[in-house]
Amino acid sequence: MDPGDPSGPLGNIGRTLLIAGLALAAIGALMMFGSRLPWLGRLPGDIHLRGKNWSFHFPIVTSIVVSIVLTILWNLFSRK
């Protein structure tokens, strides 16, 4: 077994760590620049309730849109 072979067990761990690092970087960038996207979390259909001493925000439509976009990107980049 060649130590530089990317198909070995360390190659799989390395690929997993690389993907996790890229995902964390993308989440960090979204958190940094998310305030510049005024529609994020405020789409029609997002649930926002306010009471006298409480508030509840559930961005269901935003979650669906983000899920669809991530699914499309995943399918584009995971093809072999």
C-alpha atoms as a PDB file:
ATOM      1  CA  MET A   1       0.000   0.000   0.000  1.00  0.00           C
ATOM      2  CA  ASP A   2       1.420   3.349  -1.071  1.00  0.00           C
ATOM      3  CA  PRO A   3       1.318   5.988   1.741  1.00  0.00           C
ATOM      4  CA  GLY A   4       0.415   8.681  -0.807  1.00  0.00           C
ATOM      5  CA  ASP A   5      -2.533   6.706  -2.176  1.00  0.00           C
ATOM      6  CA  PRO A   6      -5.683   8.886  -1.754  1.00  0.00           C
ATOM      7  CA  SER A   7      -7.978   5.853  -1.856  1.00  0.00           C
ATOM      8  CA  GLY A   8      -6.666   4.459   1.459  1.00  0.00           C
ATOM      9  CA  PRO A   9      -8.227   4.992   4.885  1.00  0.00           C
ATOM     10  CA  LEU A  10      -6.286   8.216   5.510  1.00  0.00           C
ATOM     11  CA  GLY A  11      -7.438   9.570   2.159  1.00  0.00           C
ATOM     12  CA  ASN A  12     -11.056   9.150   3.247  1.00  0.00           C
ATOM     13  CA  ILE A  13     -10.384  10.903   6.549  1.00  0.00           C
ATOM     14  CA  GLY A  14      -8.575  13.687   4.726  1.00  0.00           C
ATOM     15  CA  ARG A  15     -11.453  14.157   2.301  1.00  0.00           C
ATOM     16  CA  THR A  16     -13.933  14.237   5.192  1.00  0.00           C
ATOM     17  CA  LEU A  17     -11.861  16.839   7.048  1.00  0.00           C
ATOM     18  CA  LEU A  18     -11.553  18.943   3.900  1.00  0.00           C
ATOM     19  CA  ILE A  19     -15.310  18.910   3.293  1.00  0.00           C
ATOM     20  CA  ALA A  20     -16.018  19.703   6.954  1.00  0.00           C
ATOM     21  CA  GLY A  21     -13.538  22.598   6.836  1.00  0.00           C
ATOM     22  CA  LEU A  22     -15.112  24.005   3.677  1.00  0.00           C
ATOM     23  CA  ALA A  23     -18.568  23.706   5.231  1.00  0.00           C
ATOM     24  CA  LEU A  24     -17.408  25.543   8.351  1.00  0.00           C
ATOM     25  CA  ALA A  25     -15.815  28.261   6.212  1.00  0.00           C
ATOM     26  CA  ALA A  26     -19.058  28.665   4.251  1.00  0.00           C
ATOM     27  CA  ILE A  27     -21.081  28.892   7.476  1.00  0.00           C
ATOM     28  CA  GLY A  28     -18.618  31.464   8.833  1.00  0.00           C
ATOM     29  CA  ALA A  29     -18.848  33.538   5.653  1.00  0.00           C
ATOM     30  CA  LEU A  30     -22.631  33.394   5.806  1.00  0.00           C
ATOM     31  CA  MET A  31     -22.549  34.584   9.411  1.00  0.00           C
ATOM     32  CA  MET A  32     -20.180  37.434   8.525  1.00  0.00           C
ATOM     33  CA  PHE A  33     -22.026  38.605   5.429  1.00  0.00           C
ATOM     34  CA  GLY A  34     -25.536  37.434   6.328  1.00  0.00           C
ATOM     35  CA  SER A  35     -26.508  40.875   7.584  1.00  0.00           C
ATOM     36  CA  ARG A  36     -25.907  42.210   4.069  1.00  0.00           C
ATOM     37  CA  LEU A  37     -28.625  39.903   2.733  1.00  0.00           C
ATOM     38  CA  PRO A  38     -31.762  41.635   4.046  1.00  0.00           C
ATOM     39  CA  TRP A  39     -34.133  38.993   2.655  1.00  0.00           C
ATOM     40  CA  LEU A  40     -32.417  36.149   4.520  1.00  0.00           C
ATOM     41  CA  GLY A  41     -34.820  35.081   7.250  1.00  0.00           C
ATOM     42  CA  ARG A  42     -37.522  37.504   6.148  1.00  0.00           C
ATOM     43  CA  LEU A  43     -39.108  35.734   3.215  1.00  0.00           C
ATOM     44  CA  PRO A  44     -42.896  35.566   2.867  1.00  0.00           C
ATOM     45  CA  GLY A  45     -44.016  32.489   4.760  1.00  0.00           C
ATOM     46  CA  ASP A  46     -41.449  32.771   7.548  1.00  0.00           C
ATOM     47  CA  ILE A  47     -43.230  32.628  10.887  1.00  0.00           C
ATOM     48  CA  HIS A  48     -42.650  35.459  13.336  1.00  0.00           C
ATOM     49  CA  LEU A  49     -44.784  35.842  16.438  1.00  0.00           C
ATOM     50  CA  ARG A  50     -44.450  38.506  19.118  1.00  0.00           C
ATOM     51  CA  GLY A  51     -46.023  38.558  22.522  1.00  0.00           C
ATOM     52  CA  LYS A  52     -45.801  40.980  25.379  1.00  0.00           C
ATOM     53  CA  ASN A  53     -42.589  39.521  26.808  1.00  0.00           C
ATOM     54  CA  TRP A  54     -41.551  37.028  24.153  1.00  0.00           C
ATOM     55  CA  SER A  55     -40.935  36.560  20.451  1.00  0.00           C
ATOM     56  CA  PHE A  56     -40.682  33.483  18.257  1.00  0.00           C
ATOM     57  CA  HIS A  57     -39.115  33.370  14.800  1.00  0.00           C
ATOM     58  CA  PHE A  58     -39.155  30.271  12.600  1.00  0.00           C
ATOM     59  CA  PRO A  59     -37.767  30.884   9.088  1.00  0.00           C
ATOM     60  CA  ILE A  60     -39.423  27.885   7.427  1.00  0.00           C
ATOM     61  CA  VAL A  61     -39.418  29.260   3.864  1.00  0.00           C
ATOM     62  CA  THR A  62     -35.831  30.465   4.193  1.00  0.00           C
ATOM     63  CA  SER A  63     -34.857  26.977   5.406  1.00  0.00           C
ATOM     64  CA  ILE A  64     -36.552  25.374   2.414  1.00  0.00           C
ATOM     65  CA  VAL A  65     -34.853  27.751  -0.047  1.00  0.00           C
ATOM     66  CA  VAL A  66     -31.425  27.170   1.530  1.00  0.00           C
ATOM     67  CA  SER A  67     -32.031  23.412   1.474  1.00  0.00           C
ATOM     68  CA  ILE A  68     -32.925  23.464  -2.220  1.00  0.00           C
ATOM     69  CA  VAL A  69     -29.871  25.573  -3.107  1.00  0.00           C
ATOM     70  CA  LEU A  70     -27.538  23.326  -1.091  1.00  0.00           C
ATOM     71  CA  THR A  71     -29.062  20.202  -2.662  1.00  0.00           C
ATOM     72  CA  ILE A  72     -28.471  21.583  -6.151  1.00  0.00           C
ATOM     73  CA  LEU A  73     -24.888  22.562  -5.309  1.00  0.00           C
ATOM     74  CA  TRP A  74     -24.225  19.166  -3.707  1.00  0.00           C
ATOM     75  CA  ASN A  75     -25.525  17.344  -6.784  1.00  0.00           C
ATOM     76  CA  LEU A  76     -23.437  19.502  -9.103  1.00  0.00           C
ATOM     77  CA  PHE A  77     -20.193  19.004  -7.203  1.00  0.00           C
ATOM     78  CA  SER A  78     -20.602  15.382  -6.122  1.00  0.00           C
ATOM     79  CA  ARG A  79     -20.908  13.939  -9.606  1.00  0.00           C
ATOM     80  CA  LYS A  80     -18.020  11.710 -10.603  1.00  0.00           C
END
